[in-house]
């Protein structure tokens, strides 16, 4: 097994203990449909009404095109820090030191760090509804209220501290906790779908009815819900160096994580629309999925189900941090970050990069503090982080497409064959379209404070520009020859 990394110039330092289910669980729990659909259903419905349903197949198909390309790369380069490694090897003409590959890792690092903080915030949406005692700061528990935002930070800090400890304890402990949590989430999804289907008050034909007089612009906005949910499945490949037979299992894990999450989320949306007491009284847009759950399951059973949602939030946060740690470690191992020598150290007993776990936890906690009195800014940053992740994906799919046109793309195991070029073109077109859609200057997303200023509406453009500038400076300062063995272009 240790020879698997030799062609890339690395030695086996991480513990190769994960099976196929654990690899799948890493990608599935990053997406975490119970966490994200629970958070975002009201947002999507408020803009798209019942037609929201049709945005899901579009996003699932688009992300599937991306995932198929990633599956090929996961088989060819089964390395920690998937996105960074793939982009680096695809642009390896400069010995693996090109800015494009580094930028993909940098963008993914920024996006995952913000996503980690955003996932921890979701605990505030759930726990006070389970028991009022979880609202440690008295007052309105809504995340957008001053007291709710403060309590969200407190819960989020406690959660990230716990996930940091679990990640530091080692991949075996993390995987055991994650596997149990994913199993609980999968059971919860089945129970949710069964309950919603049993108490449905309308048929599935509701998805062809324009319940809110939705225009094209509203439908494009509602598509942001699925776009926000269905990313991070590549984490299944980011733990490749800790997965047994990664060249075979990682591609399958990536595809399964996306398909199970996508189909599961699609069914939750459909059955929620069928079971909601009303689609026109405004409550579904304001209160979202909790409104439907309370109506269907009742207060007591609804609270019990919310406990399962809370477990999903915890596991989602844990796995996002796990993926971020592997990305930090992978970049540091190549000397591509400030303080790389320390960040690249693996604890001899646990086989875990300890410092990256502490660093990404501390950064996420720092971002959580922005939610204190600035919920609008934090929401804008969360949306922008999705733009950043989609850009990181493009920094993989675009150079891969160039290799396909040149006829220099090679595969190892999983292969798209003659369909590779078509699938790759589709992935690039979809990625570009989604970046434009998510980053479009909408006041409902980027100006929740109602300032009316252009700087707020153009926040994603400003953030990306600043990220690229800071990234270029950091790359230039850390650039040096990196020995990564025989770099074989994919």
Protein backbone atom coordinates (compact mmCIF):
# COMPACT_ATOMS: atom_id res chain seq x y z
CA UNK A 1 0.00 0.00 0.00
CA UNK A 2 2.83 2.41 0.78
CA UNK A 3 4.01 2.06 -2.84
CA UNK A 4 0.78 3.69 -4.08
CA UNK A 5 2.21 7.16 -3.33
CA UNK A 6 5.73 6.52 -4.59
CA UNK A 7 5.02 7.59 -8.21
CA UNK A 8 3.92 10.99 -6.85
CA UNK A 9 7.00 11.44 -4.67
CA UNK A 10 5.21 11.01 -1.34
CA UNK A 11 5.52 8.45 1.42
CA UNK A 12 2.59 6.98 3.30
CA UNK A 13 2.13 9.05 6.48
CA UNK A 14 -1.65 9.05 6.91
CA UNK A 15 -3.28 5.85 8.16
CA UNK A 16 -4.87 3.83 5.36
CA UNK A 17 -7.81 2.41 7.33
CA UNK A 18 -11.02 3.58 5.60
CA UNK A 19 -13.31 1.24 3.71
CA UNK A 20 -15.66 2.04 0.84
CA UNK A 21 -18.58 3.08 3.06
CA UNK A 22 -16.41 5.45 5.09
CA UNK A 23 -15.17 7.13 1.90
CA UNK A 24 -18.76 7.49 0.66
CA UNK A 25 -19.80 8.78 4.10
CA UNK A 26 -17.18 11.54 3.91
CA UNK A 27 -18.72 12.93 0.70
CA UNK A 28 -22.33 12.33 1.74
CA UNK A 29 -22.03 13.99 5.13
CA UNK A 30 -20.30 17.05 3.61
CA UNK A 31 -23.40 17.58 1.47
CA UNK A 32 -25.69 16.48 4.36
CA UNK A 33 -29.14 16.94 2.88
CA UNK A 34 -30.83 16.94 6.29
CA UNK A 35 -28.66 19.89 7.29
CA UNK A 36 -28.73 21.91 4.09
CA UNK A 37 -32.24 21.20 2.82
CA UNK A 38 -33.52 21.91 6.32
CA UNK A 39 -31.74 25.28 6.27
CA UNK A 40 -32.54 26.34 2.71
CA UNK A 41 -35.98 24.96 1.81
CA UNK A 42 -37.77 28.16 2.78
CA UNK A 43 -35.29 30.24 0.75
CA UNK A 44 -35.82 28.12 -2.37
CA UNK A 45 -39.61 28.01 -2.06
CA UNK A 46 -39.96 31.73 -1.42
CA UNK A 47 -38.53 32.43 -4.89
CA UNK A 48 -39.56 29.39 -6.92
CA UNK A 49 -42.74 28.10 -5.32
CA UNK A 50 -43.52 24.50 -6.24
CA UNK A 51 -41.52 24.94 -9.45
CA UNK A 52 -38.48 24.83 -7.16
CA UNK A 53 -38.59 21.08 -7.73
CA UNK A 54 -37.39 21.40 -11.34
CA UNK A 55 -34.21 23.22 -10.39
CA UNK A 56 -33.00 20.08 -8.61
CA UNK A 57 -32.76 17.77 -11.66
CA UNK A 58 -30.83 20.51 -13.48
CA UNK A 59 -28.29 20.91 -10.68
CA UNK A 60 -28.03 17.14 -10.12
CA UNK A 61 -27.30 16.59 -13.83
CA UNK A 62 -24.78 19.44 -13.93
CA UNK A 63 -22.95 18.25 -10.84
CA UNK A 64 -23.03 14.68 -12.13
CA UNK A 65 -21.09 15.85 -15.19
CA UNK A 66 -18.53 17.40 -12.83
CA UNK A 67 -18.46 14.30 -10.60
CA UNK A 68 -17.82 11.98 -13.55
CA UNK A 69 -14.71 13.97 -14.43
CA UNK A 70 -13.66 13.95 -10.79
CA UNK A 71 -14.14 10.18 -10.65
CA UNK A 72 -11.62 9.76 -13.48
CA UNK A 73 -9.14 11.98 -11.66
CA UNK A 74 -9.75 10.25 -8.33
CA UNK A 75 -8.73 6.96 -9.94
CA UNK A 76 -5.66 8.50 -11.60
CA UNK A 77 -4.52 10.62 -8.63
CA UNK A 78 -5.76 9.03 -5.35
CA UNK A 79 -4.20 11.72 -3.16
CA UNK A 80 -5.21 13.82 -0.15
CA UNK A 81 -6.47 17.29 -1.02
CA UNK A 82 -8.26 16.10 -4.16
CA UNK A 83 -9.08 19.41 -5.93
CA UNK A 84 -5.61 20.85 -5.30
CA UNK A 85 -3.83 17.70 -6.40
CA UNK A 86 -5.89 17.29 -9.57
CA UNK A 87 -5.46 20.90 -10.65
CA UNK A 88 -1.76 20.78 -9.82
CA UNK A 89 -1.10 17.67 -11.89
CA UNK A 90 -3.22 18.87 -14.79
CA UNK A 91 -1.09 22.02 -14.92
CA UNK A 92 2.20 20.32 -14.09
CA UNK A 93 4.15 21.90 -16.91
CA UNK A 94 5.98 24.00 -14.32
CA UNK A 95 6.90 21.05 -12.12
CA UNK A 96 3.69 21.22 -10.16
CA UNK A 97 4.34 24.84 -9.13
CA UNK A 98 1.91 26.61 -11.47
CA UNK A 99 -0.39 29.29 -10.08
CA UNK A 100 -3.52 27.65 -11.54
CA UNK A 101 -3.15 24.47 -9.51
CA UNK A 102 -2.21 26.40 -6.39
CA UNK A 103 -5.17 28.76 -6.88
CA UNK A 104 -7.59 25.83 -7.04
CA UNK A 105 -6.37 24.65 -3.65
CA UNK A 106 -6.47 28.19 -2.24
CA UNK A 107 -10.02 28.79 -3.45
CA UNK A 108 -11.18 25.44 -2.11
CA UNK A 109 -9.52 26.20 1.20
CA UNK A 110 -11.36 29.51 1.51
CA UNK A 111 -14.69 27.97 0.49
CA UNK A 112 -14.38 25.05 2.90
CA UNK A 113 -13.40 27.28 5.82
CA UNK A 114 -16.48 29.46 5.34
CA UNK A 115 -18.62 26.34 4.80
CA UNK A 116 -17.32 24.96 8.11
CA UNK A 117 -18.52 28.04 9.96
CA UNK A 118 -21.83 28.05 8.08
CA UNK A 119 -22.49 24.40 8.94
CA UNK A 120 -21.88 25.09 12.62
CA UNK A 121 -24.36 27.99 12.49
CA UNK A 122 -27.07 25.51 11.43
CA UNK A 123 -27.14 24.11 14.97
CA UNK A 124 -29.00 27.27 16.01
CA UNK A 125 -31.78 26.45 13.53
CA UNK A 126 -32.33 23.07 15.20
CA UNK A 127 -31.43 22.86 18.90
CA UNK A 128 -33.60 25.69 20.34
CA UNK A 129 -36.55 24.06 18.54
CA UNK A 130 -35.77 20.78 20.30
CA UNK A 131 -35.48 22.37 23.74
CA UNK A 132 -35.63 26.04 24.70
CA UNK A 133 -32.77 25.45 27.13
CA UNK A 134 -30.37 25.41 24.20
CA UNK A 135 -31.07 29.12 23.76
CA UNK A 136 -28.40 30.13 26.25
CA UNK A 137 -28.77 33.80 25.31
CA UNK A 138 -32.31 34.84 26.18
CA UNK A 139 -34.49 36.30 23.47
CA UNK A 140 -35.48 35.56 19.89
CA UNK A 141 -33.81 32.31 18.67
CA UNK A 142 -33.98 33.35 14.98
CA UNK A 143 -30.47 33.34 13.47
CA UNK A 144 -31.02 36.81 12.00
CA UNK A 145 -31.91 38.36 15.38
CA UNK A 146 -29.18 39.77 17.68
CA UNK A 147 -29.84 37.19 20.42
CA UNK A 148 -30.19 34.33 17.96
CA UNK A 149 -26.96 35.29 16.18
CA UNK A 150 -25.10 35.46 19.47
CA UNK A 151 -26.42 32.08 20.57
CA UNK A 152 -25.57 30.64 17.15
CA UNK A 153 -21.96 31.72 17.61
CA UNK A 154 -21.85 30.12 21.06
CA UNK A 155 -23.27 26.80 19.82
CA UNK A 156 -21.06 26.92 16.74
CA UNK A 157 -17.90 27.50 18.77
CA UNK A 158 -18.71 24.55 21.03
CA UNK A 159 -19.43 22.34 18.02
CA UNK A 160 -16.22 23.23 16.18
CA UNK A 161 -14.22 22.66 19.36
CA UNK A 162 -15.72 19.16 19.57
CA UNK A 163 -15.12 18.32 15.90
CA UNK A 164 -11.53 19.55 16.22
CA UNK A 165 -10.93 17.15 19.12
CA UNK A 166 -12.45 14.25 17.14
CA UNK A 167 -10.33 15.02 14.08
CA UNK A 168 -7.18 15.31 16.19
CA UNK A 169 -7.94 11.90 17.74
CA UNK A 170 -7.32 10.23 14.39
CA UNK A 171 -9.02 9.14 11.19
CA UNK A 172 -10.24 5.88 12.73
CA UNK A 173 -12.15 7.76 15.46
CA UNK A 174 -13.43 10.32 12.97
CA UNK A 175 -14.61 7.60 10.59
CA UNK A 176 -16.39 5.67 13.34
CA UNK A 177 -18.27 8.78 14.48
CA UNK A 178 -19.01 9.80 10.89
CA UNK A 179 -20.21 6.32 9.86
CA UNK A 180 -22.65 6.19 12.77
CA UNK A 181 -23.85 9.70 12.04
CA UNK A 182 -24.35 9.02 8.33
CA UNK A 183 -26.28 5.85 9.14
CA UNK A 184 -28.51 7.89 11.45
CA UNK A 185 -28.99 10.54 8.75
CA UNK A 186 -29.88 7.95 6.12
CA UNK A 187 -32.46 6.42 8.48
CA UNK A 188 -33.75 9.92 9.20
CA UNK A 189 -34.16 10.65 5.48
CA UNK A 190 -36.13 7.42 5.01
CA UNK A 191 -38.35 8.19 8.02
CA UNK A 192 -38.89 11.74 6.80
CA UNK A 193 -39.83 10.62 3.30
CA UNK A 194 -42.16 7.95 4.67
CA UNK A 195 -43.93 10.39 6.97
CA UNK A 196 -44.29 13.06 4.32
CA UNK A 197 -45.61 10.55 1.79
CA UNK A 198 -48.09 9.05 4.27
CA UNK A 199 -49.57 12.44 5.22
CA UNK A 200 -49.45 13.97 1.74
CA UNK A 201 -52.46 16.21 1.05
CA UNK A 202 -51.82 16.68 -2.67
CA UNK A 203 -50.37 14.69 -5.54
CA UNK A 204 -46.97 14.92 -7.23
CA UNK A 205 -48.54 16.95 -10.05
CA UNK A 206 -48.12 19.98 -7.76
CA UNK A 207 -44.64 20.41 -9.24
CA UNK A 208 -46.09 21.52 -12.57
CA UNK A 209 -48.22 24.23 -10.97
CA UNK A 210 -46.90 27.75 -10.66
CA UNK A 211 -48.11 28.29 -7.10
CA UNK A 212 -46.60 31.71 -6.68
CA UNK A 213 -46.66 33.29 -10.11
CA UNK A 214 -42.93 32.67 -10.39
CA UNK A 215 -41.01 34.44 -13.16
CA UNK A 216 -37.78 33.20 -14.73
CA UNK A 217 -35.68 35.35 -12.40
CA UNK A 218 -37.33 33.80 -9.36
CA UNK A 219 -36.71 30.32 -10.67
CA UNK A 220 -33.03 31.11 -11.21
CA UNK A 221 -32.84 32.31 -7.62
CA UNK A 222 -34.56 29.20 -6.32
CA UNK A 223 -31.90 27.15 -8.13
CA UNK A 224 -29.41 28.56 -5.63
CA UNK A 225 -30.87 26.21 -3.02
CA UNK A 226 -29.78 23.07 -4.88
CA UNK A 227 -26.49 24.73 -5.88
CA UNK A 228 -25.74 25.54 -2.23
CA UNK A 229 -26.55 21.95 -1.20
CA UNK A 230 -24.91 19.76 -3.84
CA UNK A 231 -21.22 20.45 -3.52
CA UNK A 232 -18.44 18.93 -1.42
CA UNK A 233 -18.96 15.38 -2.73
CA UNK A 234 -15.29 15.45 -3.78
CA UNK A 235 -14.41 15.02 -0.08
CA UNK A 236 -14.92 11.30 -0.72
CA UNK A 237 -11.73 11.50 -2.78
CA UNK A 238 -9.89 13.88 -0.46
CA UNK A 239 -9.46 11.03 2.04
CA UNK A 240 -7.96 8.78 -0.67
CA UNK A 241 -4.64 8.37 1.13
CA UNK A 242 -6.56 6.92 4.06
CA UNK A 243 -8.82 4.69 1.94
CA UNK A 244 -8.01 1.07 1.18
CA UNK A 245 -7.82 0.37 -2.56
CA UNK A 246 -8.45 4.06 -3.19
CA UNK A 247 -7.94 3.88 -6.95
CA UNK A 248 -11.05 1.73 -7.21
CA UNK A 249 -13.12 2.89 -4.25
CA UNK A 250 -12.63 6.67 -4.42
CA UNK A 251 -14.32 7.15 -7.84
CA UNK A 252 -17.31 5.09 -6.73
CA UNK A 253 -17.53 7.00 -3.45
CA UNK A 254 -17.56 10.36 -5.26
CA UNK A 255 -20.39 9.33 -7.58
CA UNK A 256 -22.42 7.61 -4.87
CA UNK A 257 -22.11 10.59 -2.53
CA UNK A 258 -23.50 12.92 -5.20
CA UNK A 259 -26.26 10.63 -6.47
CA UNK A 260 -27.55 9.56 -3.06
CA UNK A 261 -27.51 13.16 -1.84
CA UNK A 262 -29.08 14.53 -5.02
CA UNK A 263 -31.88 11.98 -5.31
CA UNK A 264 -32.53 12.11 -1.57
CA UNK A 265 -32.78 15.91 -1.61
CA UNK A 266 -35.02 15.83 -4.67
CA UNK A 267 -37.44 13.44 -2.94
CA UNK A 268 -37.46 15.51 0.25
CA UNK A 269 -38.41 18.59 -1.79
CA UNK A 270 -41.14 16.70 -3.66
CA UNK A 271 -42.71 15.06 -0.61
CA UNK A 272 -42.51 18.27 1.43
CA UNK A 273 -44.48 20.07 -1.27
CA UNK A 274 -47.03 17.26 -1.25
CA UNK A 275 -47.39 17.23 2.56
CA UNK A 276 -47.27 20.95 3.42
CA UNK A 277 -50.62 22.06 4.93
CA UNK A 278 -50.62 25.10 2.64
CA UNK A 279 -48.52 26.39 -0.21
CA UNK A 280 -50.10 29.82 -0.32
CA UNK A 281 -50.33 31.12 3.28
CA UNK A 282 -46.69 32.29 3.28
CA UNK A 283 -45.55 30.02 6.11
CA UNK A 284 -43.66 27.57 3.89
CA UNK A 285 -41.44 30.35 2.55
CA UNK A 286 -40.90 31.90 5.98
CA UNK A 287 -40.58 28.79 8.18
CA UNK A 288 -39.43 26.23 5.63
CA UNK A 289 -39.16 22.53 6.36
CA UNK A 290 -39.67 22.80 10.17
CA UNK A 291 -43.21 24.05 9.44
CA UNK A 292 -43.95 20.89 7.43
CA UNK A 293 -42.29 18.56 9.95
CA UNK A 294 -44.28 19.98 12.87
CA UNK A 295 -47.52 19.71 10.91
CA UNK A 296 -46.85 16.12 9.82
CA UNK A 297 -45.16 14.56 12.84
CA UNK A 298 -46.66 16.66 15.62
CA UNK A 299 -44.75 18.42 18.38
CA UNK A 300 -43.25 15.43 20.23
CA UNK A 301 -42.33 13.28 17.22
CA UNK A 302 -41.18 16.41 15.40
CA UNK A 303 -38.75 17.21 18.21
CA UNK A 304 -37.41 13.66 18.13
CA UNK A 305 -36.83 13.98 14.39
CA UNK A 306 -35.06 17.31 14.94
CA UNK A 307 -32.56 15.47 17.14
CA UNK A 308 -31.63 13.43 14.09
CA UNK A 309 -31.24 16.65 12.13
CA UNK A 310 -28.94 17.96 14.87
CA UNK A 311 -26.83 14.80 14.52
CA UNK A 312 -26.61 15.47 10.79
CA UNK A 313 -25.41 19.03 11.49
CA UNK A 314 -22.69 17.72 13.79
CA UNK A 315 -21.53 15.13 11.26
CA UNK A 316 -21.64 17.67 8.43
CA UNK A 317 -19.41 20.03 10.42
CA UNK A 318 -17.06 17.20 11.31
CA UNK A 319 -16.59 16.10 7.70
CA UNK A 320 -16.17 19.59 6.27
CA UNK A 321 -13.36 20.07 8.77
CA UNK A 322 -11.88 16.68 7.84
CA UNK A 323 -11.77 17.67 4.16
CA UNK A 324 -10.28 21.06 4.99
CA UNK A 325 -7.57 19.43 7.12
CA UNK A 326 -6.56 17.12 4.25
CA UNK A 327 -6.41 20.07 1.87
CA UNK A 328 -4.23 22.08 4.26
CA UNK A 329 -1.96 19.08 4.77
CA UNK A 330 -1.67 18.37 1.03
CA UNK A 331 -0.68 21.95 0.21
CA UNK A 332 1.70 22.21 3.15
CA UNK A 333 3.39 18.94 2.17
CA UNK A 334 4.31 20.62 -1.13
CA UNK A 335 5.61 23.70 0.68
CA UNK A 336 2.78 25.73 -0.83
CA UNK A 337 1.62 27.57 2.31
CA UNK A 338 3.22 29.80 4.94
CA UNK A 339 4.33 27.64 7.85
CA UNK A 340 4.29 24.54 5.66
CA UNK A 341 6.92 22.68 7.67
CA UNK A 342 4.73 22.66 10.77
CA UNK A 343 1.43 22.20 8.93
CA UNK A 344 2.75 19.12 7.14
CA UNK A 345 3.64 17.24 10.32
CA UNK A 346 1.67 14.09 11.05
CA UNK A 347 1.30 12.95 14.65
CA UNK A 348 3.22 9.68 15.00
CA UNK A 349 0.64 8.05 17.26
CA UNK A 350 -2.67 9.08 15.67
CA UNK A 351 -1.44 9.50 12.09
CA UNK A 352 -3.27 12.83 11.91
CA UNK A 353 -2.13 16.33 10.84
CA UNK A 354 -2.84 17.99 14.20
CA UNK A 355 -1.92 21.61 13.46
CA UNK A 356 -4.14 21.86 10.34
CA UNK A 357 -7.07 20.67 12.47
CA UNK A 358 -6.44 23.40 15.03
CA UNK A 359 -5.82 26.07 12.39
CA UNK A 360 -8.98 25.47 10.34
CA UNK A 361 -11.04 25.21 13.54
CA UNK A 362 -9.66 28.53 14.79
CA UNK A 363 -10.28 30.23 11.42
CA UNK A 364 -13.87 28.99 11.32
CA UNK A 365 -14.48 30.24 14.86
CA UNK A 366 -13.09 33.61 13.82
CA UNK A 367 -15.56 33.72 10.93
CA UNK A 368 -18.39 32.83 13.30
CA UNK A 369 -17.74 36.03 15.21
CA UNK A 370 -18.80 37.97 12.09
CA UNK A 371 -22.33 36.74 12.77
CA UNK A 372 -22.47 38.88 15.92
CA UNK A 373 -24.61 41.78 14.76
CA UNK A 374 -23.65 41.18 11.13
CA UNK A 375 -25.82 38.27 10.04
CA UNK A 376 -26.21 39.87 6.61
CA UNK A 377 -22.46 39.95 6.03
CA UNK A 378 -22.09 36.35 7.15
CA UNK A 379 -24.92 35.29 4.80
CA UNK A 380 -23.20 37.09 1.91
CA UNK A 381 -19.91 35.37 2.75
CA UNK A 382 -21.64 31.99 2.86
CA UNK A 383 -23.13 32.52 -0.60
CA UNK A 384 -19.79 33.77 -1.90
CA UNK A 385 -18.02 30.69 -0.53
CA UNK A 386 -20.15 28.58 -2.89
CA UNK A 387 -19.01 30.77 -5.80
CA UNK A 388 -15.42 30.18 -4.71
CA UNK A 389 -15.89 26.39 -4.58
CA UNK A 390 -17.48 26.33 -8.05
CA UNK A 391 -14.52 28.35 -9.34
CA UNK A 392 -12.15 25.80 -7.78
CA UNK A 393 -14.07 23.07 -9.62
CA UNK A 394 -13.63 24.99 -12.87
CA UNK A 395 -9.89 25.19 -12.24
CA UNK A 396 -9.97 21.40 -12.54
CA UNK A 397 -12.50 20.81 -15.32
CA UNK A 398 -11.16 23.53 -17.65
CA UNK A 399 -7.52 22.30 -17.78
CA UNK A 400 -8.80 18.72 -18.02
CA UNK A 401 -10.81 19.77 -21.07
CA UNK A 402 -7.67 21.30 -22.59
CA UNK A 403 -5.89 17.96 -22.14
CA UNK A 404 -8.78 16.15 -23.80
CA UNK A 405 -8.66 18.47 -26.82
CA UNK A 406 -4.91 17.92 -27.06
CA UNK A 407 -5.34 14.17 -26.75
CA UNK A 408 -3.04 14.07 -23.68
CA UNK A 409 -5.67 13.02 -21.13
CA UNK A 410 -5.00 9.59 -19.65
CA UNK A 411 -6.98 7.46 -17.24
CA UNK A 412 -6.27 4.73 -14.76
CA UNK A 413 -9.16 2.41 -13.92
CA UNK A 414 -12.39 4.40 -14.08
CA UNK A 415 -12.77 5.96 -17.53
CA UNK A 416 -15.44 7.88 -19.45
CA UNK A 417 -14.02 6.60 -22.72
CA UNK A 418 -15.29 8.33 -25.84
CA UNK A 419 -17.88 10.22 -23.77
CA UNK A 420 -15.14 12.03 -21.86
CA UNK A 421 -15.00 15.08 -24.13
CA UNK A 422 -18.78 15.60 -24.18
CA UNK A 423 -19.10 15.14 -20.42
CA UNK A 424 -16.18 17.49 -19.79
CA UNK A 425 -17.62 20.23 -22.04
CA UNK A 426 -20.95 19.91 -20.24
CA UNK A 427 -19.23 20.19 -16.85
CA UNK A 428 -17.43 23.39 -17.87
CA UNK A 429 -20.55 25.01 -19.36
CA UNK A 430 -22.60 24.11 -16.29
CA UNK A 431 -19.91 25.41 -13.93
CA UNK A 432 -19.63 28.75 -15.72
CA UNK A 433 -23.42 29.19 -15.80
CA UNK A 434 -23.76 28.39 -12.11
CA UNK A 435 -20.97 30.77 -11.09
CA UNK A 436 -22.74 33.59 -12.95
CA UNK A 437 -26.09 32.67 -11.41
CA UNK A 438 -24.80 32.46 -7.84
CA UNK A 439 -22.67 35.62 -8.10
CA UNK A 440 -25.38 37.68 -9.82
CA UNK A 441 -25.86 40.96 -7.83
CA UNK A 442 -29.12 40.21 -5.99
CA UNK A 443 -30.14 42.27 -2.99
CA UNK A 444 -32.02 39.27 -1.56
CA UNK A 445 -28.70 37.42 -1.23
CA UNK A 446 -25.92 40.00 -0.88
CA UNK A 447 -27.63 43.03 0.66
CA UNK A 448 -29.78 41.68 3.48
CA UNK A 449 -29.12 44.87 5.41
CA UNK A 450 -30.92 46.88 2.72
CA UNK A 451 -28.09 49.33 2.17
CA UNK A 452 -28.77 49.58 -1.56
CA UNK A 453 -25.05 50.04 -2.23
CA UNK A 454 -23.25 48.50 -5.17
CA UNK A 455 -20.36 47.34 -3.00
CA UNK A 456 -22.78 45.03 -1.19
CA UNK A 457 -24.33 43.69 -4.40
CA UNK A 458 -20.91 43.06 -5.94
CA UNK A 459 -19.56 41.39 -2.82
CA UNK A 460 -18.77 38.03 -4.52
CA UNK A 461 -16.80 39.78 -7.28
CA UNK A 462 -14.88 41.83 -4.72
CA UNK A 463 -14.24 38.79 -2.54
CA UNK A 464 -12.95 36.68 -5.42
CA UNK A 465 -10.73 39.53 -6.68
CA UNK A 466 -9.27 40.00 -3.20
CA UNK A 467 -8.83 36.24 -2.79
CA UNK A 468 -6.94 35.96 -6.09
CA UNK A 469 -4.72 38.95 -5.24
CA UNK A 470 -3.88 37.73 -1.75
CA UNK A 471 -3.45 34.23 -3.10
CA UNK A 472 -1.02 35.38 -5.79
CA UNK A 473 1.11 37.16 -3.18
CA UNK A 474 1.11 34.09 -0.93
CA UNK A 475 1.94 31.82 -3.87
CA UNK A 476 4.80 34.05 -4.99
CA UNK A 477 6.29 34.14 -1.48
CA UNK A 478 6.12 30.38 -1.02
CA UNK A 479 7.05 29.37 -4.56
CA UNK A 480 10.04 27.05 -4.73
CA UNK A 481 11.01 23.80 -6.44
CA UNK A 482 8.80 20.99 -5.16
CA UNK A 483 9.84 17.38 -5.60
CA UNK A 484 6.68 15.41 -6.23
CA UNK A 485 8.12 12.47 -8.06
CA UNK A 486 7.06 11.53 -11.56
CA UNK A 487 4.24 13.88 -12.52
CA UNK A 488 2.19 12.08 -15.14
CA UNK A 489 -0.28 14.34 -16.89
CA UNK A 490 -3.88 13.17 -16.58
